[in-house]
Amino acid sequence: MMTVTTALMGLYFQLSESSPGSMDNYGWLPITSICVFIVFFSIGFGPVPWLVMAELFAEDVKSVAGSIAGTCNWLSAFMVTLLFPILKESIGPGPTFWIFTVIAVLAFFYSLFFVPETKGKTILEIQQMLSGEKVIKDDKDDKS
């Protein structure tokens, strides 16, 4: 949905710039898109750094890893905040939202193919999976 909302914003501003007045009846679209984006970011990519950090790192490195994950998260937010007005002024709002649409698509595919599924796995199994070892299930866990 984040991709759809940024694409709608790109389309709205692209059409507004190319033919002024053509989007007058769709003034609700930008605010609706932003609200939907915020909702889906809050339940999707927003908490990802915190969840990944909590599930992937052992207790002995969790504090350092948490600091790094938090710093990366806030630096990314800072970069978006810094770059948005610069991009908007230099290339216009439409292309700016198209760039963020492409980033959202890339982030989706990165998450789909490179972020490991950790549901139902112990920290030991996750660490084995990340180190490239074959995951060995403990027989005590299989009580079926």
Protein backbone atom coordinates (compact mmCIF):
# COMPACT_ATOMS: atom_id res chain seq x y z
CA MET A 1 0.00 0.00 0.00
CA MET A 2 2.90 2.35 0.63
CA THR A 3 3.94 1.92 -2.99
CA VAL A 4 0.40 2.55 -4.20
CA THR A 5 0.02 5.72 -2.14
CA THR A 6 3.34 7.20 -3.25
CA ALA A 7 2.50 6.30 -6.87
CA LEU A 8 -0.87 8.04 -6.49
CA MET A 9 0.89 11.12 -5.13
CA GLY A 10 3.32 11.05 -8.06
CA LEU A 11 0.45 10.70 -10.52
CA TYR A 12 -1.55 13.48 -8.86
CA PHE A 13 1.32 15.98 -8.92
CA GLN A 14 2.46 14.93 -12.40
CA LEU A 15 -1.03 15.55 -13.80
CA SER A 16 -1.41 18.77 -11.80
CA GLU A 17 1.79 20.15 -13.30
CA SER A 18 1.23 18.96 -16.86
CA SER A 19 -2.33 20.26 -17.12
CA PRO A 20 -3.20 22.79 -14.40
CA GLY A 21 -6.78 22.53 -13.18
CA SER A 22 -7.22 18.93 -14.30
CA MET A 23 -6.95 17.61 -10.76
CA ASP A 24 -9.17 20.21 -9.06
CA ASN A 25 -11.86 17.62 -8.32
CA TYR A 26 -9.29 15.31 -6.72
CA GLY A 27 -7.98 17.60 -4.00
CA TRP A 28 -8.80 14.89 -1.46
CA LEU A 29 -6.33 12.45 -3.05
CA PRO A 30 -3.06 13.80 -1.58
CA ILE A 31 -4.31 13.96 2.01
CA THR A 32 -5.96 10.54 1.75
CA SER A 33 -2.80 9.06 0.27
CA ILE A 34 -0.64 10.51 3.02
CA CYS A 35 -2.98 9.22 5.74
CA VAL A 36 -3.09 5.72 4.23
CA PHE A 37 0.70 5.80 3.82
CA ILE A 38 1.18 6.70 7.50
CA VAL A 39 -1.16 3.92 8.65
CA PHE A 40 0.55 1.26 6.56
CA PHE A 41 4.04 2.53 7.42
CA SER A 42 3.14 2.32 11.10
CA ILE A 43 2.06 -1.32 10.84
CA GLY A 44 4.59 -2.29 8.14
CA PHE A 45 8.06 -0.89 7.55
CA GLY A 46 8.04 1.49 10.53
CA PRO A 47 8.62 -1.07 13.29
CA VAL A 48 10.80 -3.40 11.16
CA PRO A 49 14.22 -2.27 12.50
CA TRP A 50 13.04 -2.80 16.07
CA LEU A 51 11.46 -6.19 15.38
CA VAL A 52 14.40 -7.47 13.36
CA MET A 53 16.81 -6.35 16.02
CA ALA A 54 14.82 -8.06 18.77
CA GLU A 55 14.58 -11.36 16.89
CA LEU A 56 17.94 -11.66 15.14
CA PHE A 57 20.50 -10.72 17.76
CA ALA A 58 21.65 -12.66 20.79
CA GLU A 59 21.42 -11.06 24.21
CA ASP A 60 25.16 -10.37 24.40
CA VAL A 61 25.13 -8.10 21.31
CA LYS A 62 21.55 -6.81 21.47
CA SER A 63 22.48 -3.48 23.08
CA VAL A 64 25.13 -2.65 20.46
CA ALA A 65 22.98 -3.99 17.62
CA GLY A 66 20.01 -2.00 18.92
CA SER A 67 22.08 1.17 18.91
CA ILE A 68 23.21 0.52 15.33
CA ALA A 69 19.69 -0.37 14.14
CA GLY A 70 18.20 2.70 15.82
CA THR A 71 20.87 4.96 14.40
CA CYS A 72 20.37 3.59 10.89
CA ASN A 73 16.62 3.99 11.22
CA TRP A 74 16.85 7.61 12.35
CA LEU A 75 19.53 8.45 9.77
CA SER A 76 17.25 7.09 7.05
CA ALA A 77 14.37 9.22 8.34
CA PHE A 78 16.69 12.22 8.46
CA MET A 79 17.80 11.63 4.85
CA VAL A 80 14.19 11.48 3.64
CA THR A 81 13.37 14.66 5.55
CA LEU A 82 16.46 16.39 4.18
CA LEU A 83 16.18 15.22 0.58
CA PHE A 84 12.44 15.64 0.00
CA PRO A 85 12.38 19.46 -0.25
CA ILE A 86 15.63 19.49 -2.24
CA LEU A 87 14.26 16.97 -4.75
CA LYS A 88 10.87 18.69 -4.87
CA GLU A 89 12.47 22.02 -5.77
CA SER A 90 14.92 20.60 -8.30
CA ILE A 91 12.79 18.04 -10.19
CA GLY A 92 9.25 18.77 -9.02
CA PRO A 93 6.85 16.96 -6.71
CA GLY A 94 5.69 14.34 -9.25
CA PRO A 95 9.12 12.88 -10.01
CA THR A 96 10.05 13.13 -6.33
CA PHE A 97 7.17 10.83 -5.42
CA TRP A 98 8.09 8.51 -8.31
CA ILE A 99 11.56 8.16 -6.78
CA PHE A 100 10.05 7.25 -3.43
CA THR A 101 7.73 4.79 -5.19
CA VAL A 102 10.74 3.02 -6.70
CA ILE A 103 12.41 2.94 -3.28
CA ALA A 104 9.26 1.39 -1.77
CA VAL A 105 9.18 -1.29 -4.49
CA LEU A 106 12.86 -2.08 -3.93
CA ALA A 107 12.34 -2.25 -0.16
CA PHE A 108 9.42 -4.66 -0.66
CA PHE A 109 11.46 -7.01 -2.83
CA TYR A 110 14.47 -6.76 -0.51
CA SER A 111 12.25 -7.75 2.43
CA LEU A 112 10.65 -10.53 0.43
CA PHE A 113 13.90 -12.14 -0.75
CA PHE A 114 16.58 -11.21 1.81
CA VAL A 115 14.98 -10.77 5.24
CA PRO A 116 14.73 -14.22 6.83
CA GLU A 117 11.47 -15.60 8.21
CA THR A 118 11.88 -16.05 11.96
CA LYS A 119 8.36 -17.09 12.94
CA GLY A 120 8.45 -20.14 15.21
CA LYS A 121 12.26 -20.31 15.31
CA THR A 122 14.46 -20.10 18.38
CA ILE A 123 17.33 -17.62 18.62
CA LEU A 124 19.75 -20.51 18.09
CA GLU A 125 17.97 -21.60 14.89
CA ILE A 126 17.97 -18.01 13.62
CA GLN A 127 21.69 -17.63 14.30
CA GLN A 128 22.41 -20.95 12.56
CA MET A 129 20.33 -19.86 9.57
CA LEU A 130 22.13 -16.50 9.34
CA SER A 131 25.56 -18.08 9.62
CA GLY A 132 24.77 -20.44 6.74
CA GLU A 133 24.71 -23.57 8.87
CA LYS A 134 22.07 -26.24 8.43
CA VAL A 135 19.33 -25.67 11.00
CA ILE A 136 19.03 -28.66 13.31
CA LYS A 137 15.70 -28.90 15.14
CA ASP A 138 15.85 -30.10 18.71
CA ASP A 139 13.94 -33.40 19.15
CA LYS A 140 12.56 -32.16 22.49
CA ASP A 141 10.62 -29.48 20.62
CA ASP A 142 8.84 -32.03 18.39
CA LYS A 143 6.08 -33.47 20.54
CA SER A 144 3.64 -34.41 17.84
